[in-house]
Amino acid sequence: MLAKLAATRSTCLALPVGAVIVKQRQVLATGYNGPPSGSPHCTAQGFCYPGLPRCDASSTLPSRAIHAEANAVAQAARHGISTEGATLYVTLAPCLSCLKLIISAGIREVVYETPFHGDNTVQGSFITEGLVQLRQVTISPAAMERAVRFLQNATSRLPQVCEGRLSAD
């Protein structure tokens, strides 16, 4: 769910993706896809390239976005946080370039929601070699409904005593 929330910060017009690096149940870093720091955000300027509404609308120009996984790893590195042995949660399975970066950063497991459609030959060899584990998860409708209900209510209010127990209602 945190990766999905991180994806809402994405400034990419083509595909919002979010990532969260976790180790021993602690969030180490988050990332979302968008252009490099200091470069105009596609959402702010309303286009990726002049005359091109989205990066994926061109077969020749590359995306301006840095992938969410790479941004999360870069954020951890920028702050001197080790990702050795961590787990990365991401809304879209990593591309091959990001998977290589993830492995090099010492991240041992990737948990993703949506599969990435690309050549999985090299990815499969990395898994077979024991360099990384990939696991797809589905967020249950009940968990999603609980999260939505929670997000729709004020979260920073004092609890009230209701029938002898603590209640936020």
N, C-alpha and C. Protein backbone atom coordinates (compact mmCIF):
# COMPACT_ATOMS: atom_id res chain seq x y z
N MET A 1 0.82 -1.19 0.00
CA MET A 1 0.00 0.00 0.00
C MET A 1 0.87 1.26 0.00
N LEU A 2 2.01 1.23 0.71
CA LEU A 2 2.89 2.40 0.70
C LEU A 2 3.45 2.67 -0.69
N ALA A 3 3.75 1.61 -1.43
CA ALA A 3 4.24 1.79 -2.79
C ALA A 3 3.16 2.43 -3.66
N LYS A 4 1.91 2.03 -3.46
CA LYS A 4 0.82 2.63 -4.22
C LYS A 4 0.66 4.11 -3.87
N LEU A 5 0.83 4.45 -2.61
CA LEU A 5 0.77 5.86 -2.22
C LEU A 5 1.94 6.64 -2.80
N ALA A 6 3.13 6.02 -2.82
CA ALA A 6 4.29 6.68 -3.43
C ALA A 6 4.04 6.94 -4.91
N ALA A 7 3.34 6.04 -5.58
CA ALA A 7 3.04 6.21 -7.00
C ALA A 7 2.19 7.45 -7.26
N THR A 8 1.43 7.88 -6.27
CA THR A 8 0.61 9.08 -6.46
C THR A 8 1.47 10.33 -6.56
N ARG A 9 2.73 10.25 -6.16
CA ARG A 9 3.66 11.38 -6.27
C ARG A 9 4.35 11.42 -7.62
N SER A 10 4.15 10.39 -8.44
CA SER A 10 4.79 10.31 -9.74
C SER A 10 4.45 11.52 -10.59
N THR A 11 5.43 12.02 -11.32
CA THR A 11 5.21 13.15 -12.22
C THR A 11 5.31 12.71 -13.68
N CYS A 12 5.29 11.41 -13.90
CA CYS A 12 5.35 10.85 -15.25
C CYS A 12 3.93 10.80 -15.82
N LEU A 13 3.78 11.28 -17.04
CA LEU A 13 2.47 11.29 -17.68
C LEU A 13 2.10 9.92 -18.24
N ALA A 14 3.07 9.05 -18.48
CA ALA A 14 2.81 7.77 -19.13
C ALA A 14 2.40 6.68 -18.13
N LEU A 15 3.13 6.55 -17.02
CA LEU A 15 2.89 5.42 -16.12
C LEU A 15 3.36 5.75 -14.70
N PRO A 16 2.45 6.01 -13.78
CA PRO A 16 2.87 6.27 -12.40
C PRO A 16 3.28 4.97 -11.70
N VAL A 17 4.46 4.97 -11.12
CA VAL A 17 4.98 3.79 -10.41
C VAL A 17 5.56 4.27 -9.08
N GLY A 18 5.36 3.49 -8.03
CA GLY A 18 5.92 3.80 -6.72
C GLY A 18 6.71 2.63 -6.18
N ALA A 19 7.71 2.93 -5.35
CA ALA A 19 8.56 1.91 -4.76
C ALA A 19 8.90 2.27 -3.31
N VAL A 20 9.04 1.26 -2.47
CA VAL A 20 9.42 1.44 -1.07
C VAL A 20 10.44 0.37 -0.72
N ILE A 21 11.56 0.79 -0.14
CA ILE A 21 12.58 -0.16 0.33
C ILE A 21 12.39 -0.32 1.83
N VAL A 22 12.29 -1.59 2.26
CA VAL A 22 12.02 -1.91 3.66
C VAL A 22 13.05 -2.93 4.15
N LYS A 23 13.49 -2.72 5.39
CA LYS A 23 14.41 -3.68 6.02
C LYS A 23 14.02 -3.81 7.48
N GLN A 24 13.84 -5.02 7.91
CA GLN A 24 13.43 -5.30 9.30
C GLN A 24 12.22 -4.46 9.70
N ARG A 25 11.24 -4.43 8.81
CA ARG A 25 9.96 -3.77 9.03
C ARG A 25 10.07 -2.24 9.15
N GLN A 26 11.19 -1.68 8.72
CA GLN A 26 11.40 -0.22 8.73
C GLN A 26 11.52 0.29 7.30
N VAL A 27 10.83 1.36 6.98
CA VAL A 27 10.95 1.98 5.67
C VAL A 27 12.29 2.70 5.60
N LEU A 28 13.09 2.35 4.59
CA LEU A 28 14.40 2.98 4.40
C LEU A 28 14.34 4.12 3.40
N ALA A 29 13.57 3.93 2.33
CA ALA A 29 13.50 4.94 1.28
C ALA A 29 12.27 4.68 0.42
N THR A 30 11.81 5.73 -0.23
CA THR A 30 10.72 5.61 -1.19
C THR A 30 11.16 6.23 -2.51
N GLY A 31 10.46 5.90 -3.56
CA GLY A 31 10.74 6.47 -4.85
C GLY A 31 9.52 6.41 -5.74
N TYR A 32 9.50 7.28 -6.72
CA TYR A 32 8.45 7.26 -7.73
C TYR A 32 9.09 7.72 -9.02
N ASN A 33 8.45 7.43 -10.15
CA ASN A 33 9.09 7.78 -11.41
C ASN A 33 8.81 9.22 -11.81
N GLY A 34 9.85 9.83 -12.32
CA GLY A 34 9.80 11.21 -12.76
C GLY A 34 11.17 11.61 -13.27
N PRO A 35 11.31 12.81 -13.84
CA PRO A 35 12.59 13.22 -14.40
C PRO A 35 13.64 13.46 -13.30
N PRO A 36 14.91 13.57 -13.69
CA PRO A 36 15.96 13.81 -12.70
C PRO A 36 15.72 15.10 -11.91
N SER A 37 16.25 15.15 -10.71
CA SER A 37 16.14 16.34 -9.87
C SER A 37 16.62 17.56 -10.64
N GLY A 38 15.83 18.64 -10.55
CA GLY A 38 16.16 19.88 -11.22
C GLY A 38 15.59 20.00 -12.62
N SER A 39 15.17 18.89 -13.21
CA SER A 39 14.57 18.91 -14.55
C SER A 39 13.07 19.15 -14.40
N PRO A 40 12.45 19.86 -15.33
CA PRO A 40 11.01 20.12 -15.20
C PRO A 40 10.20 18.82 -15.16
N HIS A 41 9.21 18.80 -14.32
CA HIS A 41 8.33 17.64 -14.25
C HIS A 41 7.38 17.65 -15.43
N CYS A 42 7.14 16.48 -15.98
CA CYS A 42 6.23 16.37 -17.13
C CYS A 42 4.83 16.85 -16.77
N THR A 43 4.37 16.53 -15.56
CA THR A 43 3.04 16.96 -15.15
C THR A 43 2.96 18.48 -15.01
N ALA A 44 4.05 19.12 -14.62
CA ALA A 44 4.06 20.58 -14.45
C ALA A 44 4.04 21.31 -15.80
N GLN A 45 4.78 20.75 -16.76
CA GLN A 45 4.82 21.42 -18.06
C GLN A 45 3.74 20.92 -19.00
N GLY A 46 3.06 19.82 -18.64
CA GLY A 46 1.96 19.31 -19.44
C GLY A 46 2.37 18.45 -20.62
N PHE A 47 3.65 18.16 -20.74
CA PHE A 47 4.16 17.30 -21.81
C PHE A 47 5.52 16.76 -21.39
N CYS A 48 5.95 15.71 -22.09
CA CYS A 48 7.28 15.15 -21.83
C CYS A 48 8.33 15.87 -22.67
N TYR A 49 8.04 15.96 -23.95
CA TYR A 49 8.86 16.70 -24.90
C TYR A 49 7.93 17.67 -25.64
N PRO A 50 8.42 18.82 -26.08
CA PRO A 50 7.55 19.73 -26.85
C PRO A 50 6.89 18.99 -28.02
N GLY A 51 5.58 19.09 -28.08
CA GLY A 51 4.82 18.43 -29.14
C GLY A 51 4.52 16.97 -28.88
N LEU A 52 4.97 16.45 -27.73
CA LEU A 52 4.74 15.03 -27.41
C LEU A 52 4.09 14.96 -26.03
N PRO A 53 2.81 14.61 -25.97
CA PRO A 53 2.10 14.64 -24.69
C PRO A 53 2.60 13.62 -23.67
N ARG A 54 3.10 12.48 -24.15
CA ARG A 54 3.59 11.43 -23.25
C ARG A 54 4.82 10.79 -23.87
N CYS A 55 5.75 10.36 -23.04
CA CYS A 55 6.98 9.74 -23.55
C CYS A 55 6.67 8.48 -24.34
N ASP A 56 5.66 7.72 -23.93
CA ASP A 56 5.36 6.48 -24.62
C ASP A 56 4.65 6.71 -25.96
N ALA A 57 4.42 7.99 -26.33
CA ALA A 57 3.82 8.31 -27.62
C ALA A 57 4.87 8.34 -28.73
N SER A 58 6.14 8.18 -28.39
CA SER A 58 7.22 8.18 -29.38
C SER A 58 7.91 6.83 -29.39
N SER A 59 8.26 6.39 -30.59
CA SER A 59 9.01 5.14 -30.70
C SER A 59 10.51 5.40 -30.75
N THR A 60 10.91 6.67 -30.81
CA THR A 60 12.34 6.98 -30.92
C THR A 60 12.91 7.72 -29.71
N LEU A 61 12.11 8.56 -29.06
CA LEU A 61 12.61 9.30 -27.91
C LEU A 61 12.49 8.47 -26.64
N PRO A 62 13.52 8.48 -25.80
CA PRO A 62 13.45 7.72 -24.55
C PRO A 62 12.58 8.44 -23.52
N SER A 63 12.12 7.71 -22.56
CA SER A 63 11.38 8.31 -21.45
C SER A 63 12.30 9.24 -20.69
N ARG A 64 11.78 10.33 -20.20
CA ARG A 64 12.55 11.26 -19.37
C ARG A 64 12.59 10.79 -17.92
N ALA A 65 11.76 9.82 -17.58
CA ALA A 65 11.60 9.42 -16.18
C ALA A 65 12.72 8.49 -15.71
N ILE A 66 13.12 8.73 -14.48
CA ILE A 66 13.94 7.76 -13.75
C ILE A 66 12.94 6.84 -13.07
N HIS A 67 13.16 5.55 -13.17
CA HIS A 67 12.21 4.60 -12.61
C HIS A 67 12.14 4.69 -11.09
N ALA A 68 10.99 4.34 -10.55
CA ALA A 68 10.73 4.44 -9.11
C ALA A 68 11.76 3.67 -8.30
N GLU A 69 12.12 2.48 -8.75
CA GLU A 69 13.09 1.64 -8.03
C GLU A 69 14.44 2.35 -7.97
N ALA A 70 14.88 2.91 -9.10
CA ALA A 70 16.16 3.62 -9.15
C ALA A 70 16.13 4.85 -8.25
N ASN A 71 15.01 5.56 -8.23
CA ASN A 71 14.90 6.72 -7.35
C ASN A 71 14.94 6.32 -5.88
N ALA A 72 14.33 5.20 -5.53
CA ALA A 72 14.38 4.73 -4.13
C ALA A 72 15.80 4.35 -3.74
N VAL A 73 16.50 3.63 -4.61
CA VAL A 73 17.89 3.25 -4.33
C VAL A 73 18.76 4.50 -4.24
N ALA A 74 18.55 5.47 -5.14
CA ALA A 74 19.32 6.71 -5.11
C ALA A 74 19.05 7.51 -3.84
N GLN A 75 17.79 7.52 -3.39
CA GLN A 75 17.46 8.24 -2.15
C GLN A 75 18.19 7.61 -0.97
N ALA A 76 18.19 6.29 -0.90
CA ALA A 76 18.91 5.62 0.18
C ALA A 76 20.40 5.94 0.11
N ALA A 77 20.98 5.88 -1.08
CA ALA A 77 22.41 6.17 -1.24
C ALA A 77 22.73 7.61 -0.86
N ARG A 78 21.88 8.54 -1.27
CA ARG A 78 22.10 9.97 -0.98
C ARG A 78 22.15 10.22 0.52
N HIS A 79 21.40 9.43 1.28
CA HIS A 79 21.34 9.61 2.73
C HIS A 79 22.20 8.60 3.49
N GLY A 80 23.02 7.83 2.77
CA GLY A 80 23.93 6.89 3.41
C GLY A 80 23.25 5.71 4.08
N ILE A 81 22.14 5.28 3.53
CA ILE A 81 21.37 4.18 4.13
C ILE A 81 21.68 2.90 3.36
N SER A 82 22.14 1.88 4.07
CA SER A 82 22.44 0.60 3.44
C SER A 82 21.15 -0.13 3.09
N THR A 83 21.11 -0.68 1.88
CA THR A 83 19.96 -1.47 1.44
C THR A 83 20.29 -2.96 1.41
N GLU A 84 21.44 -3.32 1.94
CA GLU A 84 21.88 -4.72 1.98
C GLU A 84 20.83 -5.57 2.71
N GLY A 85 20.32 -6.60 2.02
CA GLY A 85 19.37 -7.52 2.63
C GLY A 85 17.94 -6.99 2.71
N ALA A 86 17.66 -5.87 2.10
CA ALA A 86 16.33 -5.26 2.17
C ALA A 86 15.37 -5.89 1.17
N THR A 87 14.11 -5.51 1.31
CA THR A 87 13.05 -5.90 0.37
C THR A 87 12.54 -4.64 -0.30
N LEU A 88 12.29 -4.72 -1.60
CA LEU A 88 11.73 -3.60 -2.33
C LEU A 88 10.29 -3.95 -2.72
N TYR A 89 9.37 -3.08 -2.35
CA TYR A 89 7.96 -3.22 -2.75
C TYR A 89 7.73 -2.21 -3.85
N VAL A 90 7.14 -2.65 -4.96
CA VAL A 90 6.96 -1.77 -6.11
C VAL A 90 5.65 -2.11 -6.81
N THR A 91 5.04 -1.09 -7.39
CA THR A 91 3.74 -1.31 -8.03
C THR A 91 3.85 -2.01 -9.38
N LEU A 92 5.01 -1.95 -10.02
CA LEU A 92 5.25 -2.60 -11.31
C LEU A 92 6.56 -3.36 -11.22
N ALA A 93 6.57 -4.62 -11.63
CA ALA A 93 7.81 -5.42 -11.59
C ALA A 93 8.92 -4.66 -12.31
N PRO A 94 10.14 -4.74 -11.80
CA PRO A 94 11.23 -3.94 -12.37
C PRO A 94 11.64 -4.40 -13.76
N CYS A 95 12.06 -3.42 -14.57
CA CYS A 95 12.67 -3.72 -15.86
C CYS A 95 14.05 -4.34 -15.59
N LEU A 96 14.68 -4.83 -16.62
CA LEU A 96 15.97 -5.48 -16.45
C LEU A 96 17.03 -4.52 -15.88
N SER A 97 17.07 -3.28 -16.37
CA SER A 97 18.07 -2.32 -15.85
C SER A 97 17.87 -2.08 -14.36
N CYS A 98 16.62 -1.90 -13.94
CA CYS A 98 16.35 -1.67 -12.52
C CYS A 98 16.66 -2.93 -11.70
N LEU A 99 16.36 -4.10 -12.25
CA LEU A 99 16.65 -5.33 -11.52
C LEU A 99 18.15 -5.47 -11.27
N LYS A 100 18.96 -5.12 -12.26
CA LYS A 100 20.42 -5.17 -12.07
C LYS A 100 20.85 -4.19 -10.98
N LEU A 101 20.27 -3.00 -10.97
CA LEU A 101 20.57 -2.01 -9.94
C LEU A 101 20.15 -2.52 -8.56
N ILE A 102 18.98 -3.10 -8.48
CA ILE A 102 18.44 -3.65 -7.23
C ILE A 102 19.39 -4.71 -6.67
N ILE A 103 19.83 -5.61 -7.54
CA ILE A 103 20.75 -6.68 -7.11
C ILE A 103 22.07 -6.07 -6.63
N SER A 104 22.59 -5.10 -7.39
CA SER A 104 23.86 -4.45 -7.01
C SER A 104 23.75 -3.68 -5.71
N ALA A 105 22.54 -3.20 -5.37
CA ALA A 105 22.32 -2.48 -4.12
C ALA A 105 22.13 -3.42 -2.93
N GLY A 106 22.18 -4.74 -3.18
CA GLY A 106 22.07 -5.71 -2.09
C GLY A 106 20.64 -6.05 -1.69
N ILE A 107 19.67 -5.57 -2.44
CA ILE A 107 18.27 -5.88 -2.15
C ILE A 107 18.02 -7.32 -2.58
N ARG A 108 17.47 -8.12 -1.69
CA ARG A 108 17.35 -9.56 -1.92
C ARG A 108 15.98 -9.99 -2.42
N GLU A 109 14.96 -9.18 -2.19
CA GLU A 109 13.61 -9.58 -2.60
C GLU A 109 12.88 -8.39 -3.19
N VAL A 110 12.12 -8.66 -4.24
CA VAL A 110 11.26 -7.66 -4.86
C VAL A 110 9.83 -8.18 -4.83
N VAL A 111 8.96 -7.40 -4.22
CA VAL A 111 7.53 -7.74 -4.15
C VAL A 111 6.81 -6.72 -5.03
N TYR A 112 6.10 -7.22 -6.03
CA TYR A 112 5.46 -6.32 -6.99
C TYR A 112 3.99 -6.66 -7.17
N GLU A 113 3.24 -5.68 -7.66
CA GLU A 113 1.81 -5.87 -7.88
C GLU A 113 1.51 -6.25 -9.33
N THR A 114 2.06 -5.51 -10.29
CA THR A 114 1.76 -5.72 -11.70
C THR A 114 3.00 -6.23 -12.42
N PRO A 115 2.87 -7.28 -13.24
CA PRO A 115 4.04 -7.78 -13.97
C PRO A 115 4.51 -6.80 -15.04
N PHE A 116 5.80 -6.83 -15.32
CA PHE A 116 6.40 -6.03 -16.39
C PHE A 116 6.54 -6.95 -17.59
N HIS A 117 6.06 -6.51 -18.72
CA HIS A 117 6.12 -7.35 -19.92
C HIS A 117 7.36 -6.98 -20.72
N GLY A 118 8.34 -7.84 -20.64
CA GLY A 118 9.59 -7.65 -21.37
C GLY A 118 10.29 -8.99 -21.45
N ASP A 119 11.50 -9.01 -21.95
CA ASP A 119 12.27 -10.25 -22.04
C ASP A 119 12.70 -10.65 -20.65
N ASN A 120 12.27 -11.82 -20.19
CA ASN A 120 12.56 -12.28 -18.83
C ASN A 120 13.70 -13.29 -18.78
N THR A 121 14.44 -13.47 -19.88
CA THR A 121 15.50 -14.47 -19.92
C THR A 121 16.58 -14.18 -18.89
N VAL A 122 17.12 -12.96 -18.92
CA VAL A 122 18.19 -12.59 -17.98
C VAL A 122 17.63 -12.54 -16.56
N GLN A 123 16.44 -11.98 -16.42
CA GLN A 123 15.79 -11.92 -15.10
C GLN A 123 15.70 -13.31 -14.50
N GLY A 124 15.28 -14.28 -15.31
CA GLY A 124 15.17 -15.67 -14.84
C GLY A 124 16.51 -16.23 -14.40
N SER A 125 17.59 -15.86 -15.09
CA SER A 125 18.91 -16.37 -14.70
C SER A 125 19.33 -15.77 -13.36
N PHE A 126 18.98 -14.51 -13.11
CA PHE A 126 19.31 -13.89 -11.83
C PHE A 126 18.59 -14.60 -10.69
N ILE A 127 17.36 -14.99 -10.94
CA ILE A 127 16.57 -15.70 -9.92
C ILE A 127 17.16 -17.09 -9.70
N THR A 128 17.47 -17.79 -10.79
CA THR A 128 18.05 -19.13 -10.70
C THR A 128 19.39 -19.10 -9.95
N GLU A 129 20.16 -18.06 -10.17
CA GLU A 129 21.46 -17.91 -9.50
C GLU A 129 21.32 -17.51 -8.04
N GLY A 130 20.09 -17.25 -7.59
CA GLY A 130 19.85 -16.90 -6.19
C GLY A 130 20.22 -15.46 -5.85
N LEU A 131 20.32 -14.60 -6.85
CA LEU A 131 20.70 -13.21 -6.60
C LEU A 131 19.55 -12.38 -6.07
N VAL A 132 18.32 -12.75 -6.43
CA VAL A 132 17.15 -11.99 -6.02
C VAL A 132 15.92 -12.90 -6.10
N GLN A 133 14.94 -12.61 -5.28
CA GLN A 133 13.65 -13.30 -5.35
C GLN A 133 12.61 -12.28 -5.80
N LEU A 134 11.73 -12.71 -6.69
CA LEU A 134 10.63 -11.87 -7.14
C LEU A 134 9.33 -12.54 -6.73
N ARG A 135 8.41 -11.75 -6.21
CA ARG A 135 7.13 -12.29 -5.77
C ARG A 135 6.02 -11.32 -6.10
N GLN A 136 5.01 -11.82 -6.83
CA GLN A 136 3.86 -10.98 -7.15
C GLN A 136 2.83 -11.11 -6.04
N VAL A 137 2.22 -9.99 -5.67
CA VAL A 137 1.17 -9.99 -4.66
C VAL A 137 -0.07 -9.30 -5.22
N THR A 138 -1.19 -9.65 -4.64
CA THR A 138 -2.44 -9.00 -4.97
C THR A 138 -3.00 -8.43 -3.67
N ILE A 139 -3.37 -7.18 -3.70
CA ILE A 139 -3.97 -6.57 -2.52
C ILE A 139 -5.45 -6.96 -2.53
N SER A 140 -5.89 -7.55 -1.45
CA SER A 140 -7.27 -8.03 -1.39
C SER A 140 -8.24 -6.86 -1.42
N PRO A 141 -9.43 -7.08 -1.98
CA PRO A 141 -10.44 -6.01 -1.97
C PRO A 141 -10.75 -5.53 -0.55
N ALA A 142 -10.77 -6.43 0.42
CA ALA A 142 -11.05 -6.03 1.81
C ALA A 142 -9.95 -5.10 2.34
N ALA A 143 -8.69 -5.42 2.05
CA ALA A 143 -7.59 -4.57 2.50
C ALA A 143 -7.65 -3.21 1.81
N MET A 144 -8.00 -3.21 0.54
CA MET A 144 -8.11 -1.96 -0.20
C MET A 144 -9.24 -1.10 0.37
N GLU A 145 -10.37 -1.72 0.67
CA GLU A 145 -11.51 -0.99 1.24
C GLU A 145 -11.15 -0.40 2.60
N ARG A 146 -10.45 -1.17 3.45
CA ARG A 146 -10.01 -0.66 4.76
C ARG A 146 -9.10 0.54 4.58
N ALA A 147 -8.17 0.44 3.63
CA ALA A 147 -7.24 1.55 3.39
C ALA A 147 -7.97 2.79 2.91
N VAL A 148 -8.91 2.61 2.02
CA VAL A 148 -9.66 3.76 1.49
C VAL A 148 -10.46 4.41 2.61
N ARG A 149 -11.13 3.59 3.42
CA ARG A 149 -11.90 4.15 4.55
C ARG A 149 -10.98 4.91 5.49
N PHE A 150 -9.83 4.37 5.77
CA PHE A 150 -8.88 5.01 6.66
C PHE A 150 -8.42 6.34 6.07
N LEU A 151 -8.08 6.35 4.78
CA LEU A 151 -7.58 7.55 4.14
C LEU A 151 -8.64 8.63 4.01
N GLN A 152 -9.89 8.25 3.97
CA GLN A 152 -10.97 9.22 3.84
C GLN A 152 -11.28 9.95 5.14
N ASN A 153 -10.81 9.44 6.24
CA ASN A 153 -11.07 10.05 7.54
C ASN A 153 -9.85 10.80 8.04
N ALA A 154 -10.07 11.75 8.91
CA ALA A 154 -8.96 12.45 9.55
C ALA A 154 -8.16 11.43 10.35
N THR A 155 -6.86 11.46 10.22
CA THR A 155 -6.03 10.47 10.90
C THR A 155 -5.30 11.03 12.11
N SER A 156 -5.32 12.31 12.29
CA SER A 156 -4.58 12.93 13.39
C SER A 156 -5.53 13.61 14.37
N ARG A 157 -6.43 12.83 14.88
CA ARG A 157 -7.34 13.37 15.89
C ARG A 157 -7.23 12.52 17.13
N LEU A 158 -7.58 13.11 18.25
CA LEU A 158 -7.47 12.39 19.50
C LEU A 158 -8.53 11.30 19.58
N PRO A 159 -8.15 10.11 20.04
CA PRO A 159 -9.15 9.04 20.19
C PRO A 159 -10.11 9.38 21.33
N GLN A 160 -11.31 8.85 21.22
CA GLN A 160 -12.33 9.07 22.24
C GLN A 160 -12.65 7.74 22.90
N VAL A 161 -13.03 7.79 24.16
CA VAL A 161 -13.42 6.57 24.85
C VAL A 161 -14.86 6.27 24.47
N CYS A 162 -15.10 5.08 23.97
CA CYS A 162 -16.42 4.67 23.53
C CYS A 162 -16.72 3.30 24.09
N GLU A 163 -17.68 3.19 24.95
CA GLU A 163 -18.08 1.94 25.58
C GLU A 163 -16.90 1.24 26.24
N GLY A 164 -16.09 2.00 26.95
CA GLY A 164 -14.99 1.41 27.72
C GLY A 164 -13.76 1.05 26.92
N ARG A 165 -13.74 1.36 25.64
CA ARG A 165 -12.54 1.07 24.87
C ARG A 165 -12.20 2.27 23.99
N LEU A 166 -10.97 2.31 23.55
CA LEU A 166 -10.51 3.42 22.72
C LEU A 166 -11.13 3.32 21.33
N SER A 167 -11.58 4.43 20.81
CA SER A 167 -12.20 4.45 19.48
C SER A 167 -11.82 5.74 18.78
N ALA A 168 -11.65 5.66 17.46
CA ALA A 168 -11.37 6.85 16.68
C ALA A 168 -12.66 7.43 16.11
N ASP A 169 -13.78 6.78 16.35
CA ASP A 169 -15.08 7.25 15.81
C ASP A 169 -15.80 8.13 16.80
